[in-house]
Protein backbone atom coordinates (compact mmCIF):
# COMPACT_ATOMS: atom_id res chain seq x y z
CA MET A 1 -0.07 0.18 -0.14
CA PRO A 2 1.12 3.66 -0.51
CA ALA A 3 2.78 5.16 2.34
CA LEU A 4 -0.03 7.41 4.21
CA SER A 5 0.50 10.54 6.04
CA SER A 6 -1.80 13.21 7.52
CA THR A 7 -2.52 16.37 5.58
CA SER A 8 -2.99 19.90 6.91
CA ASN A 9 -6.61 19.77 6.69
CA GLY A 10 -6.77 16.42 8.51
CA GLY A 11 -7.22 14.19 5.54
CA GLU A 12 -4.88 11.24 4.55
CA GLU A 13 -2.24 11.54 1.76
CA GLY A 14 -1.40 8.30 -0.55
CA VAL A 15 1.68 8.24 -2.75
CA PHE A 16 1.82 6.31 -5.72
CA ASN A 17 5.55 5.78 -7.16
CA VAL A 18 5.89 5.67 -11.00
CA LEU A 19 8.91 4.58 -12.94
CA LEU A 20 8.94 5.73 -16.53
CA THR A 21 11.84 4.36 -18.79
CA GLY A 22 12.89 5.49 -22.16
CA PHE A 23 15.84 3.97 -24.39
CA GLY A 24 19.50 5.27 -24.96
CA PRO A 25 20.89 6.12 -28.37
CA PHE A 26 20.91 3.62 -31.16
CA HIS A 27 21.31 3.42 -35.14
CA ASN A 28 19.44 6.45 -36.47
CA HIS A 29 18.31 7.84 -33.29
CA LYS A 30 21.54 9.68 -32.08
CA PRO A 31 22.44 11.46 -29.92
CA ASP A 32 18.98 11.30 -28.20
CA ASN A 33 16.43 8.65 -28.51
CA PRO A 34 13.03 10.06 -28.99
CA SER A 35 11.52 8.08 -26.36
CA TRP A 36 14.23 9.43 -23.72
CA LEU A 37 13.70 13.04 -25.00
CA ALA A 38 9.87 12.48 -24.07
CA VAL A 39 10.24 10.75 -20.79
CA LYS A 40 13.14 12.97 -19.29
CA PRO A 41 11.23 16.06 -18.42
CA LEU A 42 8.90 14.04 -16.14
CA HIS A 43 11.86 12.83 -13.82
CA ASN A 44 11.20 13.86 -10.26
CA ALA A 45 7.86 15.28 -11.39
CA VAL A 46 4.79 15.10 -8.75
CA ILE A 47 1.40 14.82 -10.08
CA PRO A 48 -1.66 15.55 -7.64
CA LEU A 49 -4.54 13.36 -8.57
CA SER A 50 -6.70 16.10 -6.77
CA ASP A 51 -6.37 18.35 -9.67
CA PRO A 52 -8.01 17.42 -12.96
CA VAL A 53 -6.12 17.69 -16.07
CA VAL A 54 -7.20 20.97 -17.83
CA ILE A 55 -6.27 22.22 -21.26
CA ASP A 56 -7.20 25.57 -22.55
CA GLY A 57 -9.82 26.06 -19.75
CA GLN A 58 -11.40 22.72 -20.25
CA VAL A 59 -11.16 19.83 -18.01
CA VAL A 60 -10.14 16.86 -20.06
CA MET A 61 -9.34 14.37 -17.37
CA ARG A 62 -11.07 14.14 -14.11
CA THR A 63 -9.95 13.13 -10.43
CA PRO A 64 -10.74 9.72 -9.23
CA THR A 65 -14.73 9.75 -8.41
CA THR A 66 -14.47 7.52 -5.44
CA SER A 67 -11.46 8.44 -3.67
CA SER A 68 -11.33 10.18 -0.37
CA LYS A 69 -7.55 10.32 -0.11
CA HIS A 70 -5.30 13.18 -1.21
CA TRP A 71 -3.10 11.12 -3.67
CA LEU A 72 0.15 12.28 -5.07
CA VAL A 73 2.10 10.70 -8.02
CA LYS A 74 5.90 10.77 -7.73
CA ILE A 75 7.67 10.10 -10.94
CA SER A 76 11.20 8.93 -11.67
CA ALA A 77 12.91 8.32 -15.23
CA LEU A 78 15.58 5.90 -16.01
CA GLN A 79 17.16 5.39 -19.50
CA ILE A 80 17.86 1.65 -20.47
CA PRO A 81 20.55 0.92 -23.19
CA VAL A 82 19.21 -0.68 -26.34
CA GLU A 83 20.84 -3.97 -25.65
CA TYR A 84 19.49 -7.35 -24.64
CA GLU A 85 21.87 -7.84 -21.84
CA ALA A 86 21.23 -4.50 -20.40
CA VAL A 87 17.61 -5.04 -20.30
CA MET A 88 18.13 -8.56 -18.37
CA ASP A 89 20.44 -6.81 -16.07
CA THR A 90 18.14 -3.90 -15.18
CA VAL A 91 14.42 -4.70 -15.77
CA PRO A 92 14.18 -7.66 -13.31
CA LYS A 93 15.74 -5.45 -10.51
CA LEU A 94 13.24 -2.77 -11.07
CA HIS A 95 10.40 -5.11 -9.81
CA LEU A 96 12.07 -6.06 -6.37
CA ARG A 97 10.91 -4.58 -3.21
CA PRO A 98 12.58 -2.08 -2.81
CA PRO A 99 13.57 -1.80 -6.30
CA VAL A 100 17.53 -2.11 -7.14
CA LEU A 101 18.57 0.82 -9.53
CA PRO A 102 21.71 1.20 -11.51
CA GLU A 103 24.27 2.40 -9.15
CA LYS A 104 24.86 5.69 -11.21
CA VAL A 105 21.28 6.95 -10.95
CA LYS A 106 19.91 5.77 -7.69
CA ASP A 107 20.76 8.63 -5.76
CA ASP A 108 18.83 10.99 -7.99
CA PHE A 109 15.37 9.09 -7.44
CA TYR A 110 12.64 9.38 -5.16
CA PRO A 111 13.38 6.59 -2.34
CA LEU A 112 10.85 4.16 -1.65
CA PRO A 113 9.90 2.22 1.64
CA PRO A 114 11.78 -0.94 2.56
CA ASP A 115 8.96 -3.24 1.68
CA LYS A 116 7.67 -1.14 -1.43
CA GLY A 117 7.88 -1.58 -5.23
CA TYR A 118 6.97 0.61 -8.10
CA ASP A 119 2.96 1.11 -8.56
CA PHE A 120 3.35 1.63 -12.01
CA ILE A 121 6.32 0.87 -14.61
CA PHE A 122 5.59 2.56 -17.89
CA HIS A 123 8.01 1.87 -20.61
CA VAL A 124 8.40 4.31 -23.76
CA GLY A 125 10.19 3.27 -26.86
CA VAL A 126 10.44 4.64 -30.44
CA ALA A 127 8.84 3.05 -33.68
CA GLY A 128 8.29 4.62 -37.12
CA ARG A 129 6.65 7.61 -38.50
CA GLY A 130 2.79 7.60 -37.33
CA PRO A 131 0.42 8.00 -34.03
CA LEU A 132 1.52 6.64 -30.53
CA ARG A 133 1.04 2.87 -30.26
CA MET A 134 -0.35 1.68 -26.87
CA GLU A 135 0.96 -2.09 -26.53
CA LYS A 136 -1.32 -4.62 -25.26
CA LEU A 137 1.13 -7.54 -24.76
CA GLY A 138 4.58 -8.44 -24.90
CA HIS A 139 6.39 -11.79 -26.83
CA LYS A 140 8.57 -14.27 -25.16
CA LEU A 141 10.31 -15.82 -28.34
CA GLY A 142 11.07 -14.69 -32.02
CA TYR A 143 13.95 -12.20 -31.33
CA TYR A 144 15.99 -12.06 -34.49
CA MET A 145 17.63 -8.70 -34.56
CA LYS A 146 20.84 -7.37 -33.38
CA ASP A 147 21.01 -4.93 -30.60
CA ALA A 148 22.81 -1.63 -30.44
CA ALA A 149 25.99 -3.51 -29.46
CA GLY A 150 25.77 -6.01 -32.19
CA LYS A 151 24.57 -8.78 -30.09
CA MET A 152 21.56 -11.08 -30.60
CA ALA A 153 18.96 -12.33 -27.91
CA PRO A 154 19.62 -15.25 -25.95
CA ILE A 155 19.15 -18.77 -27.80
CA VAL A 156 16.30 -20.52 -26.14
CA LYS A 157 16.55 -24.28 -26.13
CA GLY A 158 13.68 -26.70 -26.42
CA PRO A 159 10.69 -27.46 -29.07
CA PRO A 160 10.04 -24.29 -31.29
CA SER A 161 6.86 -22.30 -30.66
CA ASP A 162 4.18 -21.38 -33.26
CA PHE A 163 6.44 -18.31 -34.00
CA GLY A 164 9.38 -20.56 -34.72
CA ARG A 165 7.62 -22.81 -36.96
CA ARG A 166 6.41 -19.71 -38.96
CA GLU A 167 10.11 -18.61 -39.32
CA ILE A 168 11.11 -21.99 -40.76
CA GLU A 169 8.08 -22.22 -43.22
CA ASP A 170 8.99 -18.70 -44.39
CA ALA A 171 12.62 -19.72 -44.68
CA ASP A 172 12.58 -19.33 -48.44
CA VAL A 173 10.83 -16.00 -48.74
CA SER A 174 12.97 -12.92 -49.48
CA VAL A 175 12.91 -9.85 -47.37
CA SER A 176 11.24 -7.80 -49.89
CA GLU A 177 8.18 -10.36 -49.73
CA GLN A 178 7.75 -9.96 -45.80
CA PRO A 179 5.46 -7.95 -44.26
CA LEU A 180 5.73 -4.35 -44.48
CA GLN A 181 6.76 -4.04 -40.71
CA VAL A 182 9.89 -6.14 -41.36
CA GLY A 183 11.01 -3.48 -44.23
CA GLU A 184 10.09 -0.62 -41.77
CA ARG A 185 12.46 -2.19 -39.27
CA LEU A 186 15.25 -2.68 -41.66
CA GLY A 187 14.65 1.08 -42.91
CA LEU A 188 15.37 1.99 -39.10
CA GLY A 189 18.62 0.63 -39.35
CA PHE A 190 18.04 -2.78 -37.67
CA GLU A 191 20.31 -5.88 -38.66
CA MET A 192 18.20 -9.16 -38.90
CA GLU A 193 20.03 -12.57 -38.73
CA SER A 194 19.63 -13.87 -42.10
CA ALA A 195 21.22 -16.29 -44.86
CA GLY A 196 21.97 -14.15 -47.86
CA ASP A 197 18.75 -12.46 -49.05
CA ASN A 198 16.54 -15.32 -47.33
CA TYR A 199 15.76 -16.04 -43.69
CA SER A 200 17.14 -19.14 -42.30
CA ALA A 201 15.92 -21.84 -39.86
CA ARG A 202 17.28 -19.94 -37.17
CA PRO A 203 17.54 -21.21 -33.38
CA ASN A 204 14.84 -19.58 -31.52
CA ARG A 205 15.81 -16.50 -29.29
CA GLY A 206 14.27 -14.74 -26.41
CA PHE A 207 13.53 -15.93 -22.76
CA GLY A 208 14.36 -19.31 -21.60
CA ILE A 209 16.01 -20.37 -18.29
CA GLY A 210 13.94 -18.69 -15.55
CA TYR A 211 11.09 -18.01 -17.77
CA GLU A 212 9.79 -21.41 -18.46
CA LYS A 213 6.66 -21.03 -16.40
CA PHE A 214 5.41 -17.77 -18.34
CA SER A 215 3.24 -18.12 -21.43
CA ASP A 216 4.37 -17.20 -24.86
CA GLU A 217 2.49 -13.92 -24.77
CA ILE A 218 1.84 -11.84 -21.55
CA TYR A 219 -0.80 -9.16 -21.65
CA THR A 220 -1.12 -6.10 -19.54
CA ASP A 221 -3.64 -5.94 -16.69
CA ILE A 222 -4.27 -2.37 -17.88
CA ASP A 223 -7.32 -1.88 -20.15
CA VAL A 224 -5.57 -0.58 -22.95
CA SER A 225 -8.74 -0.35 -25.12
CA ARG A 226 -10.45 2.02 -22.47
CA LEU A 227 -7.49 4.08 -21.97
CA VAL A 228 -7.00 4.71 -25.43
CA TYR A 229 -10.64 5.53 -25.94
CA ASP A 230 -10.38 8.12 -22.93
CA LEU A 231 -7.09 9.51 -24.10
CA ARG A 232 -8.69 10.30 -27.32
CA ASN A 233 -11.70 11.91 -25.68
CA SER A 234 -9.11 13.99 -23.94
CA GLY A 235 -7.79 15.44 -27.18
CA ILE A 236 -5.01 13.03 -27.85
CA GLU A 237 -6.24 11.78 -31.33
CA GLN A 238 -2.91 10.30 -32.57
CA ILE A 239 -3.06 7.04 -30.68
CA TYR A 240 -4.10 3.53 -31.13
CA SER A 241 -3.85 0.11 -29.53
CA SER A 242 -1.44 -2.52 -30.96
CA MET A 243 -0.85 -6.30 -30.52
CA ASP A 244 2.67 -6.34 -31.73
CA ALA A 245 5.40 -4.62 -29.89
CA GLY A 246 7.74 -5.48 -32.63
CA HIS A 247 9.88 -8.37 -31.45
CA TYR A 248 12.83 -6.09 -30.74
CA ILE A 249 14.28 -4.59 -27.69
CA CYS A 250 11.09 -2.68 -26.94
CA ASP A 251 9.01 -5.95 -27.26
CA PHE A 252 11.76 -7.77 -25.13
CA THR A 253 11.72 -5.18 -22.20
CA TYR A 254 7.91 -5.33 -22.28
CA TYR A 255 7.73 -8.91 -21.88
CA CYS A 256 10.53 -9.04 -19.33
CA SER A 257 8.86 -6.37 -17.29
CA LEU A 258 5.39 -8.13 -17.59
CA ALA A 259 6.83 -11.31 -16.39
CA GLU A 260 8.87 -9.79 -13.22
CA SER A 261 5.77 -8.10 -12.34
CA LYS A 262 3.87 -11.57 -12.10
CA ARG A 263 6.76 -13.37 -10.59
CA ASN A 264 6.80 -10.67 -7.55
CA GLY A 265 3.22 -10.04 -7.53
CA LYS A 266 0.60 -11.94 -5.30
CA PRO A 267 -2.93 -12.79 -6.86
CA TYR A 268 -4.60 -12.06 -3.64
CA GLU A 269 -3.08 -8.57 -3.23
CA LYS A 270 -3.80 -6.85 -6.56
CA ASP A 271 -3.65 -3.54 -4.88
CA ARG A 272 -0.06 -4.22 -4.26
CA ASN A 273 1.03 -5.52 -7.76
CA THR A 274 3.21 -3.33 -10.14
CA GLN A 275 1.01 -2.41 -13.20
CA VAL A 276 3.14 -2.29 -16.35
CA LEU A 277 2.61 -0.59 -19.96
CA PHE A 278 4.48 0.15 -23.04
CA VAL A 279 3.76 2.71 -25.62
CA HIS A 280 5.66 3.42 -28.92
CA CYS A 281 6.39 6.96 -30.14
CA PRO A 282 7.23 8.35 -33.20
CA PRO A 283 10.42 10.07 -34.27
CA VAL A 284 10.63 13.57 -33.16
CA GLY A 285 8.03 15.44 -35.50
CA GLN A 286 6.80 12.49 -37.28
CA PRO A 287 4.12 13.91 -36.68
CA LEU A 288 4.19 14.37 -32.89
CA THR A 289 6.69 16.93 -31.19
CA THR A 290 8.47 15.81 -28.00
CA GLU A 291 6.26 18.15 -25.91
CA GLU A 292 3.11 16.48 -27.36
CA VAL A 293 4.38 12.81 -26.46
CA THR A 294 5.55 14.06 -22.91
CA GLU A 295 1.99 15.52 -22.50
CA ALA A 296 0.42 12.16 -23.59
CA ILE A 297 2.52 10.02 -20.96
CA ARG A 298 1.42 12.50 -18.29
CA ARG A 299 -2.20 12.08 -19.15
CA ILE A 300 -1.39 8.25 -19.21
CA VAL A 301 0.07 8.29 -15.80
CA PHE A 302 -2.73 10.09 -14.51
CA TRP A 303 -5.23 7.85 -15.88
CA VAL A 304 -3.54 4.71 -14.50
CA CYS A 305 -2.90 6.01 -11.06
CA SER A 306 -6.52 7.37 -10.97
CA GLU A 307 -7.58 3.83 -11.52
CA LEU A 308 -5.17 2.53 -9.13
CA ALA A 309 -6.64 4.86 -6.47
CA GLU A 310 -10.08 3.60 -6.84
CA ILE A 311 -8.90 0.10 -6.45
CA HIS A 312 -6.91 0.99 -3.16
CA ASP A 313 -9.97 2.55 -1.93
CA MET A 314 -12.08 -0.62 -2.50
CA ALA A 315 -9.61 -2.68 -0.94
CA ALA A 316 -9.09 -0.72 2.10
């Protein structure tokens, strides 16, 4: 539960601790990754849920309707390198209670109580031109693109999944005949494991040892469809939901975070479990500005924490 303290008017104050993550530079996104540019301005920000979101004099997001507490949202932001190994070294530790942060940044973060984890971990990554993409799920297997360090995801031993079988069936299909999404990834500078101009029957890559009990797809507990609907009603029209986070570092991070949330959570204490979400943003100005993406992130945090406030009140 969030730590409670007395306010000057005699009421109670609850705190939601939120961690935002963006990615470091890679390929065509140097010196700064657009996701980090959008996340960084919210580092160490505090959002009171008692104040509705007002744009141009209009209330676009209201405060929790059933909450009797005064909730504050404390936000920290962390940059993650675009490397599979860095994700595995960093993300699982973020879900511990208390979280273990990289040594070089931990002194600049809001402290958490000893038995407390983050209430909400929100990952932001960059995709191609277009609207914001709110991702519904992460994938366990099928990671065949080299990261920013030129390394591949870990090999997973065992029988191939459906995704792996599809890769083998498509082994003789050229890159030019693959779906547009593959071409988009290549255009962004990704390098895929291949044999000449064709896909090869490669070993499957992704999450193996330590993740055996988790399913091939893990969905977020957050109602993404309703969130997107409410965001559009609040004036953020350039957003839609997605079922494919890309099978690259973004998807890898999302699956890892969702799995670790389940590993460290307790089914009978849903009000204590860490919520996890991922959104893809476009490159700067294609079509959204960094400021527009930052504002969308702020409203998503407000929406999710408003939902958490109502869950906490019902569980109290």
